[in-house]
Amino acid sequence: MPTVKFQLRRDTAANWASVNPTLGPGEPALETDTGKVKYGNGATAWNSLPYFAGDLGTALMAIKALTPAADRYVYFTSGSAAALGTITAFGRSLLDDADAATARGTLGLGTITTQAANNVAITGGSASGLTALGIVESGDNFTVDQYSNTSAVGANMLARRARGTSGSPTGVLSGNVLGGIYGAGWRDTAVWSNFTASVRAVAAEDFVGTANGTQLEFATTSIGASSRSTRFTISPAGSLYSNVTPSTTMTTGFVYIPAGAGVPTGVPEGVGTNQVAMYYDRTNNHFYIYNGAWKKVALA
């Protein structure tokens, strides 16, 4: 019995595109370098004919070249090549989530992820491990609100200091700054100034057990200068002293008291049994101390 062999018209994709023939109705033709097939309709030129739908095409041919395996997914590395990536059990658990709310639950995210950028609330929790926190406000001041009927509870801001690292903290040493409030301003040179004023809590001894002595330091910057200096300190025992080096020609570092013309007659407000109010009478050159009543000291 004679053998009948059918051969399709064939050529490379480039040659087909160059010649751009019109195939007869139902006539097949093969691109030898891509494996794609087109069928003619007797009217449409090659370049406008679609490829046969049963043809795998470049993308599917690239996938066909892969070897399937468990926990793998397909991705394309180029327009004609594909590869397999690994998908974990967690990845699959996220992919099967029906909506964003379910996905947030899988990721362990709270409601903060759905809040507007200009109105974020952290209720009953905390934000820790921040390298820096910047609060930019062009209107009202930054506020801390506290609602409580307990008199000892206030709207507190706590600064805590440790040496070492967060994973292995060690005790602070004498002279270490525990925390502070600092002030700075925008210069005409389009940069922020240094911290030009501050109130700082400073360790007055090495922190060991219940030995946690501290002092408060108050610093300002002189007119015409750019670096602050400590002006007054409240010692661990509660003494207030000036940090200005005294001299007979000093012009700064003084503690000022009220001075008026005449004898004081008012009762100072809020004077306790362990405090006295002071006043200077410029007219009569007398110095007064209030201790239940005004008592004068004549000055030479």
C-alpha atoms as a PDB file:
ATOM      1  CA  MET A   1       0.000   0.000   0.000  1.00  0.00           C
ATOM      2  CA  PRO A   2       1.544   3.290  -1.042  1.00  0.00           C
ATOM      3  CA  THR A   3       2.450   5.810   1.661  1.00  0.00           C
ATOM      4  CA  VAL A   4       0.874   9.221   1.454  1.00  0.00           C
ATOM      5  CA  LYS A   5       2.835  12.068   3.028  1.00  0.00           C
ATOM      6  CA  PHE A   6       1.419  15.549   3.606  1.00  0.00           C
ATOM      7  CA  GLN A   7       3.807  18.461   4.071  1.00  0.00           C
ATOM      8  CA  LEU A   8       2.691  21.912   5.189  1.00  0.00           C
ATOM      9  CA  ARG A   9       3.965  25.059   3.673  1.00  0.00           C
ATOM     10  CA  ARG A  10       6.755  26.156   5.986  1.00  0.00           C
ATOM     11  CA  ASP A  11       9.359  28.848   6.502  1.00  0.00           C
ATOM     12  CA  THR A  12      10.853  30.937   9.258  1.00  0.00           C
ATOM     13  CA  ALA A  13       8.764  33.617  10.967  1.00  0.00           C
ATOM     14  CA  ALA A  14      10.956  36.345   9.482  1.00  0.00           C
ATOM     15  CA  ASN A  15      10.514  35.049   5.932  1.00  0.00           C
ATOM     16  CA  TRP A  16       6.759  34.691   6.307  1.00  0.00           C
ATOM     17  CA  ALA A  17       6.557  38.282   7.573  1.00  0.00           C
ATOM     18  CA  SER A  18       8.779  39.524   4.740  1.00  0.00           C
ATOM     19  CA  VAL A  19       6.833  37.818   1.925  1.00  0.00           C
ATOM     20  CA  ASN A  20       3.460  38.318   3.662  1.00  0.00           C
ATOM     21  CA  PRO A  21       1.479  35.967   1.349  1.00  0.00           C
ATOM     22  CA  THR A  22      -2.255  35.365   1.349  1.00  0.00           C
ATOM     23  CA  LEU A  23      -3.036  31.752   2.168  1.00  0.00           C
ATOM     24  CA  GLY A  24      -5.943  29.949   0.534  1.00  0.00           C
ATOM     25  CA  PRO A  25      -9.110  29.097   2.489  1.00  0.00           C
ATOM     26  CA  GLY A  26      -8.178  26.515   5.146  1.00  0.00           C
ATOM     27  CA  GLU A  27      -4.585  26.362   3.965  1.00  0.00           C
ATOM     28  CA  PRO A  28      -2.172  25.773   6.891  1.00  0.00           C
ATOM     29  CA  ALA A  29       1.369  27.149   7.128  1.00  0.00           C
ATOM     30  CA  LEU A  30       4.089  26.587   9.718  1.00  0.00           C
ATOM     31  CA  GLU A  31       6.748  28.835  11.243  1.00  0.00           C
ATOM     32  CA  THR A  32       9.655  26.425  11.522  1.00  0.00           C
ATOM     33  CA  ASP A  33      11.556  28.369  14.183  1.00  0.00           C
ATOM     34  CA  THR A  34       8.609  29.051  16.543  1.00  0.00           C
ATOM     35  CA  GLY A  35       6.371  26.038  15.935  1.00  0.00           C
ATOM     36  CA  LYS A  36       3.369  28.324  15.401  1.00  0.00           C
ATOM     37  CA  VAL A  37       0.703  27.663  12.763  1.00  0.00           C
ATOM     38  CA  LYS A  38      -1.667  29.906  10.818  1.00  0.00           C
ATOM     39  CA  TYR A  39      -4.690  28.993   8.664  1.00  0.00           C
ATOM     40  CA  GLY A  40      -5.578  31.098   5.654  1.00  0.00           C
ATOM     41  CA  ASN A  41      -9.003  32.398   4.670  1.00  0.00           C
ATOM     42  CA  GLY A  42      -8.249  33.328   1.076  1.00  0.00           C
ATOM     43  CA  ALA A  43      -8.385  37.068   1.771  1.00  0.00           C
ATOM     44  CA  THR A  44      -6.203  38.091   4.739  1.00  0.00           C
ATOM     45  CA  ALA A  45      -2.432  38.509   4.273  1.00  0.00           C
ATOM     46  CA  TRP A  46      -0.052  36.579   6.560  1.00  0.00           C
ATOM     47  CA  ASN A  47       0.890  39.398   8.901  1.00  0.00           C
ATOM     48  CA  SER A  48      -2.762  40.063   9.728  1.00  0.00           C
ATOM     49  CA  LEU A  49      -3.745  36.441  10.268  1.00  0.00           C
ATOM     50  CA  PRO A  50      -4.039  35.217  13.864  1.00  0.00           C
ATOM     51  CA  TYR A  51      -2.090  32.182  15.012  1.00  0.00           C
ATOM     52  CA  PHE A  52      -3.977  28.939  15.455  1.00  0.00           C
ATOM     53  CA  ALA A  53      -5.620  28.966  18.909  1.00  0.00           C
ATOM     54  CA  GLY A  54      -4.393  25.457  19.613  1.00  0.00           C
ATOM     55  CA  ASP A  55      -0.810  26.656  19.242  1.00  0.00           C
ATOM     56  CA  LEU A  56       1.013  26.945  22.553  1.00  0.00           C
ATOM     57  CA  GLY A  57       2.669  30.223  21.692  1.00  0.00           C
ATOM     58  CA  THR A  58       5.884  31.586  23.170  1.00  0.00           C
ATOM     59  CA  ALA A  59       4.573  31.926  26.728  1.00  0.00           C
ATOM     60  CA  LEU A  60       3.095  28.456  26.945  1.00  0.00           C
ATOM     61  CA  MET A  61       6.109  26.920  25.231  1.00  0.00           C
ATOM     62  CA  ALA A  62       8.288  28.493  27.919  1.00  0.00           C
ATOM     63  CA  ILE A  63       6.065  27.003  30.635  1.00  0.00           C
ATOM     64  CA  LYS A  64       5.992  23.636  28.850  1.00  0.00           C
ATOM     65  CA  ALA A  65       9.775  23.469  29.148  1.00  0.00           C
ATOM     66  CA  LEU A  66       9.566  23.513  32.979  1.00  0.00           C
ATOM     67  CA  THR A  67       9.357  20.469  35.247  1.00  0.00           C
ATOM     68  CA  PRO A  68       6.460  20.836  37.734  1.00  0.00           C
ATOM     69  CA  ALA A  69       7.189  20.352  41.436  1.00  0.00           C
ATOM     70  CA  ALA A  70       5.393  20.816  44.742  1.00  0.00           C
ATOM     71  CA  ASP A  71       5.289  24.277  46.294  1.00  0.00           C
ATOM     72  CA  ARG A  72       6.454  26.036  43.127  1.00  0.00           C
ATOM     73  CA  TYR A  73       5.006  28.820  41.002  1.00  0.00           C
ATOM     74  CA  VAL A  74       5.807  29.982  37.475  1.00  0.00           C
ATOM     75  CA  TYR A  75       7.232  33.373  36.620  1.00  0.00           C
ATOM     76  CA  PHE A  76       8.750  34.790  33.446  1.00  0.00           C
ATOM     77  CA  THR A  77      12.403  35.813  33.342  1.00  0.00           C
ATOM     78  CA  SER A  78      12.097  37.318  29.854  1.00  0.00           C
ATOM     79  CA  GLY A  79       9.667  37.540  26.975  1.00  0.00           C
ATOM     80  CA  SER A  80      10.381  33.951  25.985  1.00  0.00           C
ATOM     81  CA  ALA A  81      11.657  32.183  29.128  1.00  0.00           C
ATOM     82  CA  ALA A  82      10.091  31.120  32.405  1.00  0.00           C
ATOM     83  CA  ALA A  83      11.291  29.728  35.743  1.00  0.00           C
ATOM     84  CA  LEU A  84       9.925  28.212  38.946  1.00  0.00           C
ATOM     85  CA  GLY A  85       9.886  29.987  42.308  1.00  0.00           C
ATOM     86  CA  THR A  86       9.136  28.615  45.766  1.00  0.00           C
ATOM     87  CA  ILE A  87       5.866  29.440  47.501  1.00  0.00           C
ATOM     88  CA  THR A  88       5.687  28.820  51.238  1.00  0.00           C
ATOM     89  CA  ALA A  89       2.769  27.636  53.331  1.00  0.00           C
ATOM     90  CA  PHE A  90       2.381  31.177  54.645  1.00  0.00           C
ATOM     91  CA  GLY A  91       2.312  32.532  51.088  1.00  0.00           C
ATOM     92  CA  ARG A  92      -0.482  30.128  50.194  1.00  0.00           C
ATOM     93  CA  SER A  93      -2.415  31.120  53.319  1.00  0.00           C
ATOM     94  CA  LEU A  94      -2.261  34.758  52.174  1.00  0.00           C
ATOM     95  CA  LEU A  95      -3.191  34.011  48.570  1.00  0.00           C
ATOM     96  CA  ASP A  96      -6.410  32.228  49.539  1.00  0.00           C
ATOM     97  CA  ASP A  97      -7.700  35.192  51.589  1.00  0.00           C
ATOM     98  CA  ALA A  98     -10.939  36.463  50.113  1.00  0.00           C
ATOM     99  CA  ASP A  99     -10.499  40.166  50.934  1.00  0.00           C
ATOM    100  CA  ALA A 100      -8.147  42.796  52.379  1.00  0.00           C
ATOM    101  CA  ALA A 101      -9.539  42.466  55.920  1.00  0.00           C
ATOM    102  CA  THR A 102      -8.814  38.740  55.967  1.00  0.00           C
ATOM    103  CA  ALA A 103      -5.327  39.345  54.532  1.00  0.00           C
ATOM    104  CA  ARG A 104      -4.581  41.880  57.294  1.00  0.00           C
ATOM    105  CA  GLY A 105      -5.594  39.245  59.844  1.00  0.00           C
ATOM    106  CA  THR A 106      -3.238  36.718  58.251  1.00  0.00           C
ATOM    107  CA  LEU A 107      -0.423  39.277  58.362  1.00  0.00           C
ATOM    108  CA  GLY A 108      -1.208  40.118  61.991  1.00  0.00           C
ATOM    109  CA  LEU A 109      -1.932  43.767  61.232  1.00  0.00           C
ATOM    110  CA  GLY A 110      -4.245  45.862  63.372  1.00  0.00           C
ATOM    111  CA  THR A 111      -6.571  48.731  62.570  1.00  0.00           C
ATOM    112  CA  ILE A 112      -3.690  51.209  62.338  1.00  0.00           C
ATOM    113  CA  THR A 113      -3.118  49.994  58.743  1.00  0.00           C
ATOM    114  CA  THR A 114      -6.530  51.313  57.686  1.00  0.00           C
ATOM    115  CA  GLN A 115      -6.254  54.756  59.306  1.00  0.00           C
ATOM    116  CA  ALA A 116      -5.711  57.951  57.356  1.00  0.00           C
ATOM    117  CA  ALA A 117      -2.156  59.291  57.329  1.00  0.00           C
ATOM    118  CA  ASN A 118      -3.324  62.562  58.891  1.00  0.00           C
ATOM    119  CA  ASN A 119      -5.338  60.955  61.700  1.00  0.00           C
ATOM    120  CA  VAL A 120      -3.681  57.948  63.374  1.00  0.00           C
ATOM    121  CA  ALA A 121      -4.724  56.732  66.818  1.00  0.00           C
ATOM    122  CA  ILE A 122      -2.919  54.200  69.022  1.00  0.00           C
ATOM    123  CA  THR A 123      -5.379  53.168  71.711  1.00  0.00           C
ATOM    124  CA  GLY A 124      -4.295  51.091  74.673  1.00  0.00           C
ATOM    125  CA  GLY A 125      -0.944  50.225  73.096  1.00  0.00           C
ATOM    126  CA  SER A 126       2.500  51.597  72.463  1.00  0.00           C
ATOM    127  CA  ALA A 127       5.032  52.260  69.700  1.00  0.00           C
ATOM    128  CA  SER A 128       8.510  51.048  70.613  1.00  0.00           C
ATOM    129  CA  GLY A 129      11.852  50.559  68.910  1.00  0.00           C
ATOM    130  CA  LEU A 130      11.634  53.803  66.908  1.00  0.00           C
ATOM    131  CA  THR A 131      14.988  55.217  65.831  1.00  0.00           C
ATOM    132  CA  ALA A 132      13.510  58.701  65.529  1.00  0.00           C
ATOM    133  CA  LEU A 133      10.041  60.182  65.791  1.00  0.00           C
ATOM    134  CA  GLY A 134       9.322  63.421  63.964  1.00  0.00           C
ATOM    135  CA  ILE A 135       6.136  65.370  64.633  1.00  0.00           C
ATOM    136  CA  VAL A 136       5.475  68.183  62.171  1.00  0.00           C
ATOM    137  CA  GLU A 137       2.723  70.595  63.128  1.00  0.00           C
ATOM    138  CA  SER A 138       1.916  73.927  61.514  1.00  0.00           C
ATOM    139  CA  GLY A 139      -1.029  74.823  63.733  1.00  0.00           C
ATOM    140  CA  ASP A 140      -1.713  73.835  67.316  1.00  0.00           C
ATOM    141  CA  ASN A 141       0.979  72.582  69.651  1.00  0.00           C
ATOM    142  CA  PHE A 142       1.776  68.934  70.201  1.00  0.00           C
ATOM    143  CA  THR A 143      -0.374  67.790  73.119  1.00  0.00           C
ATOM    144  CA  VAL A 144      -0.547  64.864  75.539  1.00  0.00           C
ATOM    145  CA  ASP A 145      -4.021  64.293  77.003  1.00  0.00           C
ATOM    146  CA  GLN A 146      -4.815  62.269  80.111  1.00  0.00           C
ATOM    147  CA  TYR A 147      -8.278  61.539  81.478  1.00  0.00           C
ATOM    148  CA  SER A 148      -8.332  60.302  85.067  1.00  0.00           C
ATOM    149  CA  ASN A 149     -10.054  61.001  88.378  1.00  0.00           C
ATOM    150  CA  THR A 150      -6.880  60.121  90.300  1.00  0.00           C
ATOM    151  CA  SER A 151      -5.074  63.242  91.460  1.00  0.00           C
ATOM    152  CA  ALA A 152      -1.616  61.654  91.186  1.00  0.00           C
ATOM    153  CA  VAL A 153      -2.104  60.717  87.522  1.00  0.00           C
ATOM    154  CA  GLY A 154      -1.125  63.370  84.983  1.00  0.00           C
ATOM    155  CA  ALA A 155      -0.380  63.742  81.283  1.00  0.00           C
ATOM    156  CA  ASN A 156       3.190  62.544  81.581  1.00  0.00           C
ATOM    157  CA  MET A 157       6.073  62.408  79.125  1.00  0.00           C
ATOM    158  CA  LEU A 158       8.706  59.878  80.199  1.00  0.00           C
ATOM    159  CA  ALA A 159      12.318  59.777  79.009  1.00  0.00           C
ATOM    160  CA  ARG A 160      14.320  56.722  80.070  1.00  0.00           C
ATOM    161  CA  ARG A 161      18.034  56.140  79.576  1.00  0.00           C
ATOM    162  CA  ALA A 162      20.195  53.020  79.712  1.00  0.00           C
ATOM    163  CA  ARG A 163      23.703  52.245  78.614  1.00  0.00           C
ATOM    164  CA  GLY A 164      24.494  49.188  76.513  1.00  0.00           C
ATOM    165  CA  THR A 165      21.924  48.052  73.958  1.00  0.00           C
ATOM    166  CA  SER A 166      18.172  47.429  73.933  1.00  0.00           C
ATOM    167  CA  GLY A 167      18.874  43.716  74.096  1.00  0.00           C
ATOM    168  CA  SER A 168      21.460  44.039  76.877  1.00  0.00           C
ATOM    169  CA  PRO A 169      20.982  47.318  78.794  1.00  0.00           C
ATOM    170  CA  THR A 170      23.358  48.383  81.556  1.00  0.00           C
ATOM    171  CA  GLY A 171      23.121  50.959  84.336  1.00  0.00           C
ATOM    172  CA  VAL A 172      23.658  54.647  83.690  1.00  0.00           C
ATOM    173  CA  LEU A 173      26.718  56.389  85.112  1.00  0.00           C
ATOM    174  CA  SER A 174      27.149  59.671  86.896  1.00  0.00           C
ATOM    175  CA  GLY A 175      26.950  62.527  84.399  1.00  0.00           C
ATOM    176  CA  ASN A 176      24.803  60.635  81.871  1.00  0.00           C
ATOM    177  CA  VAL A 177      21.860  62.685  80.557  1.00  0.00           C
ATOM    178  CA  LEU A 178      18.647  60.782  81.350  1.00  0.00           C
ATOM    179  CA  GLY A 179      16.334  62.950  79.256  1.00  0.00           C
ATOM    180  CA  GLY A 180      15.426  66.516  78.535  1.00  0.00           C
ATOM    181  CA  ILE A 181      13.339  69.120  76.800  1.00  0.00           C
ATOM    182  CA  TYR A 182      15.231  71.063  74.148  1.00  0.00           C
ATOM    183  CA  GLY A 183      14.463  74.082  71.993  1.00  0.00           C
ATOM    184  CA  ALA A 184      15.800  75.018  68.547  1.00  0.00           C
ATOM    185  CA  GLY A 185      14.883  77.516  65.836  1.00  0.00           C
ATOM    186  CA  TRP A 186      15.047  77.920  62.071  1.00  0.00           C
ATOM    187  CA  ARG A 187      17.965  80.105  61.000  1.00  0.00           C
ATOM    188  CA  ASP A 188      18.041  82.609  58.160  1.00  0.00           C
ATOM    189  CA  THR A 189      20.602  80.290  56.530  1.00  0.00           C
ATOM    190  CA  ALA A 190      17.810  77.763  55.929  1.00  0.00           C
ATOM    191  CA  VAL A 191      18.942  75.265  58.558  1.00  0.00           C
ATOM    192  CA  TRP A 192      17.842  74.419  62.075  1.00  0.00           C
ATOM    193  CA  SER A 193      19.873  75.838  64.913  1.00  0.00           C
ATOM    194  CA  ASN A 194      21.574  73.773  67.585  1.00  0.00           C
ATOM    195  CA  PHE A 195      19.590  73.027  70.733  1.00  0.00           C
ATOM    196  CA  THR A 196      19.751  76.545  72.119  1.00  0.00           C
ATOM    197  CA  ALA A 197      17.829  75.974  75.362  1.00  0.00           C
ATOM    198  CA  SER A 198      17.208  72.927  77.494  1.00  0.00           C
ATOM    199  CA  VAL A 199      16.017  71.450  80.762  1.00  0.00           C
ATOM    200  CA  ARG A 200      17.796  68.163  81.380  1.00  0.00           C
ATOM    201  CA  ALA A 201      17.656  65.405  83.974  1.00  0.00           C
ATOM    202  CA  VAL A 202      21.210  64.190  84.666  1.00  0.00           C
ATOM    203  CA  ALA A 203      22.433  61.252  86.736  1.00  0.00           C
ATOM    204  CA  ALA A 204      24.349  62.541  89.764  1.00  0.00           C
ATOM    205  CA  GLU A 205      25.761  59.118  90.627  1.00  0.00           C
ATOM    206  CA  ASP A 206      26.139  55.677  89.085  1.00  0.00           C
ATOM    207  CA  PHE A 207      22.728  53.992  89.216  1.00  0.00           C
ATOM    208  CA  VAL A 208      23.144  50.952  91.448  1.00  0.00           C
ATOM    209  CA  GLY A 209      20.153  49.404  93.222  1.00  0.00           C
ATOM    210  CA  THR A 210      18.218  52.198  94.932  1.00  0.00           C
ATOM    211  CA  ALA A 211      21.063  54.723  94.562  1.00  0.00           C
ATOM    212  CA  ASN A 212      19.530  56.848  91.786  1.00  0.00           C
ATOM    213  CA  GLY A 213      20.558  60.432  92.541  1.00  0.00           C
ATOM    214  CA  THR A 214      19.672  63.004  89.878  1.00  0.00           C
ATOM    215  CA  GLN A 215      19.887  66.719  89.253  1.00  0.00           C
ATOM    216  CA  LEU A 216      18.133  69.154  86.916  1.00  0.00           C
ATOM    217  CA  GLU A 217      20.159  71.443  84.654  1.00  0.00           C
ATOM    218  CA  PHE A 218      18.780  74.585  82.988  1.00  0.00           C
ATOM    219  CA  ALA A 219      20.659  75.900  79.955  1.00  0.00           C
ATOM    220  CA  THR A 220      20.258  78.889  77.635  1.00  0.00           C
ATOM    221  CA  THR A 221      22.208  80.527  74.821  1.00  0.00           C
ATOM    222  CA  SER A 222      23.608  84.053  75.218  1.00  0.00           C
ATOM    223  CA  ILE A 223      22.588  86.845  72.834  1.00  0.00           C
ATOM    224  CA  GLY A 224      24.787  86.707  69.746  1.00  0.00           C
ATOM    225  CA  ALA A 225      25.939  83.136  70.441  1.00  0.00           C
ATOM    226  CA  SER A 226      24.887  79.758  69.022  1.00  0.00           C
ATOM    227  CA  SER A 227      25.784  77.260  71.755  1.00  0.00           C
ATOM    228  CA  ARG A 228      23.976  76.856  75.048  1.00  0.00           C
ATOM    229  CA  SER A 229      25.517  76.812  78.507  1.00  0.00           C
ATOM    230  CA  THR A 230      24.126  75.460  81.776  1.00  0.00           C
ATOM    231  CA  ARG A 231      23.016  78.446  83.897  1.00  0.00           C
ATOM    232  CA  PHE A 232      21.369  76.910  86.964  1.00  0.00           C
ATOM    233  CA  THR A 233      21.245  73.474  88.546  1.00  0.00           C
ATOM    234  CA  ILE A 234      18.924  71.956  91.111  1.00  0.00           C
ATOM    235  CA  SER A 235      21.130  69.569  93.074  1.00  0.00           C
ATOM    236  CA  PRO A 236      20.115  66.058  94.184  1.00  0.00           C
ATOM    237  CA  ALA A 237      19.377  67.499  97.627  1.00  0.00           C
ATOM    238  CA  GLY A 238      17.179  70.287  96.205  1.00  0.00           C
ATOM    239  CA  SER A 239      19.622  73.204  96.333  1.00  0.00           C
ATOM    240  CA  LEU A 240      19.440  75.768  93.552  1.00  0.00           C
ATOM    241  CA  TYR A 241      22.798  77.144  92.487  1.00  0.00           C
ATOM    242  CA  SER A 242      24.224  79.159  89.631  1.00  0.00           C
ATOM    243  CA  ASN A 243      26.676  77.574  87.184  1.00  0.00           C
ATOM    244  CA  VAL A 244      28.116  80.968  86.233  1.00  0.00           C
ATOM    245  CA  THR A 245      31.703  81.414  87.417  1.00  0.00           C
ATOM    246  CA  PRO A 246      31.561  84.260  89.985  1.00  0.00           C
ATOM    247  CA  SER A 247      33.751  87.327  89.720  1.00  0.00           C
ATOM    248  CA  THR A 248      33.710  90.896  90.965  1.00  0.00           C
ATOM    249  CA  THR A 249      32.937  92.070  87.429  1.00  0.00           C
ATOM    250  CA  MET A 250      30.272  89.467  86.577  1.00  0.00           C
ATOM    251  CA  THR A 251      27.190  90.713  84.744  1.00  0.00           C
ATOM    252  CA  THR A 252      25.224  87.458  84.462  1.00  0.00           C
ATOM    253  CA  GLY A 253      24.194  84.545  86.649  1.00  0.00           C
ATOM    254  CA  PHE A 254      22.225  86.491  89.248  1.00  0.00           C
ATOM    255  CA  VAL A 255      18.991  85.514  91.006  1.00  0.00           C
ATOM    256  CA  TYR A 256      16.545  88.443  90.919  1.00  0.00           C
ATOM    257  CA  ILE A 257      13.807  89.210  93.458  1.00  0.00           C
ATOM    258  CA  PRO A 258      10.919  91.697  93.274  1.00  0.00           C
ATOM    259  CA  ALA A 259      11.894  95.310  93.981  1.00  0.00           C
ATOM    260  CA  GLY A 260       9.455  98.180  94.483  1.00  0.00           C
ATOM    261  CA  ALA A 261       9.090 101.650  95.966  1.00  0.00           C
ATOM    262  CA  GLY A 262       7.920 101.419  99.566  1.00  0.00           C
ATOM    263  CA  VAL A 263       7.183  98.974 102.336  1.00  0.00           C
ATOM    264  CA  PRO A 264       5.498  95.680 101.281  1.00  0.00           C
ATOM    265  CA  THR A 265       2.021  95.124 102.755  1.00  0.00           C
ATOM    266  CA  GLY A 266       0.608  92.220 100.767  1.00  0.00           C
ATOM    267  CA  VAL A 267       0.517  88.656 102.009  1.00  0.00           C
ATOM    268  CA  PRO A 268       2.604  86.430  99.695  1.00  0.00           C
ATOM    269  CA  GLU A 269       0.611  83.656  98.059  1.00  0.00           C
ATOM    270  CA  GLY A 270       1.450  80.020  98.698  1.00  0.00           C
ATOM    271  CA  VAL A 271       4.263  80.480 101.218  1.00  0.00           C
ATOM    272  CA  GLY A 272       4.772  77.290 103.223  1.00  0.00           C
ATOM    273  CA  THR A 273       6.392  76.754 106.612  1.00  0.00           C
ATOM    274  CA  ASN A 274       9.699  75.897 104.954  1.00  0.00           C
ATOM    275  CA  GLN A 275       9.857  78.840 102.530  1.00  0.00           C
ATOM    276  CA  VAL A 276      10.138  82.618 102.752  1.00  0.00           C
ATOM    277  CA  ALA A 277       9.315  85.350 100.239  1.00  0.00           C
ATOM    278  CA  MET A 278      11.789  88.191  99.581  1.00  0.00           C
ATOM    279  CA  TYR A 279      11.317  91.803  98.543  1.00  0.00           C
ATOM    280  CA  TYR A 280      13.540  94.878  98.205  1.00  0.00           C
ATOM    281  CA  ASP A 281      12.335  98.399  99.060  1.00  0.00           C
ATOM    282  CA  ARG A 282      14.253 100.705  96.720  1.00  0.00           C
ATOM    283  CA  THR A 283      12.936 103.865  98.372  1.00  0.00           C
ATOM    284  CA  ASN A 284      14.136 103.099 101.896  1.00  0.00           C
ATOM    285  CA  ASN A 285      16.958 100.714 100.983  1.00  0.00           C
ATOM    286  CA  HIS A 286      15.499  97.868 103.025  1.00  0.00           C
ATOM    287  CA  PHE A 287      15.487  94.162 102.333  1.00  0.00           C
ATOM    288  CA  TYR A 288      12.373  92.273 103.495  1.00  0.00           C
ATOM    289  CA  ILE A 289      11.710  88.627 104.258  1.00  0.00           C
ATOM    290  CA  TYR A 290       8.201  87.313 104.855  1.00  0.00           C
ATOM    291  CA  ASN A 291       7.879  84.686 107.571  1.00  0.00           C
ATOM    292  CA  GLY A 292       4.328  85.106 108.812  1.00  0.00           C
ATOM    293  CA  ALA A 293       4.946  88.859 108.590  1.00  0.00           C
ATOM    294  CA  TRP A 294       7.299  91.144 106.695  1.00  0.00           C
ATOM    295  CA  LYS A 295      10.607  91.542 108.507  1.00  0.00           C
ATOM    296  CA  LYS A 296      13.074  94.102 107.279  1.00  0.00           C
ATOM    297  CA  VAL A 297      16.809  94.086 107.189  1.00  0.00           C
ATOM    298  CA  ALA A 298      18.446  97.484 106.934  1.00  0.00           C
ATOM    299  CA  LEU A 299      21.137  97.689 104.291  1.00  0.00           C
ATOM    300  CA  ALA A 300      24.166  99.881 104.662  1.00  0.00           C
END
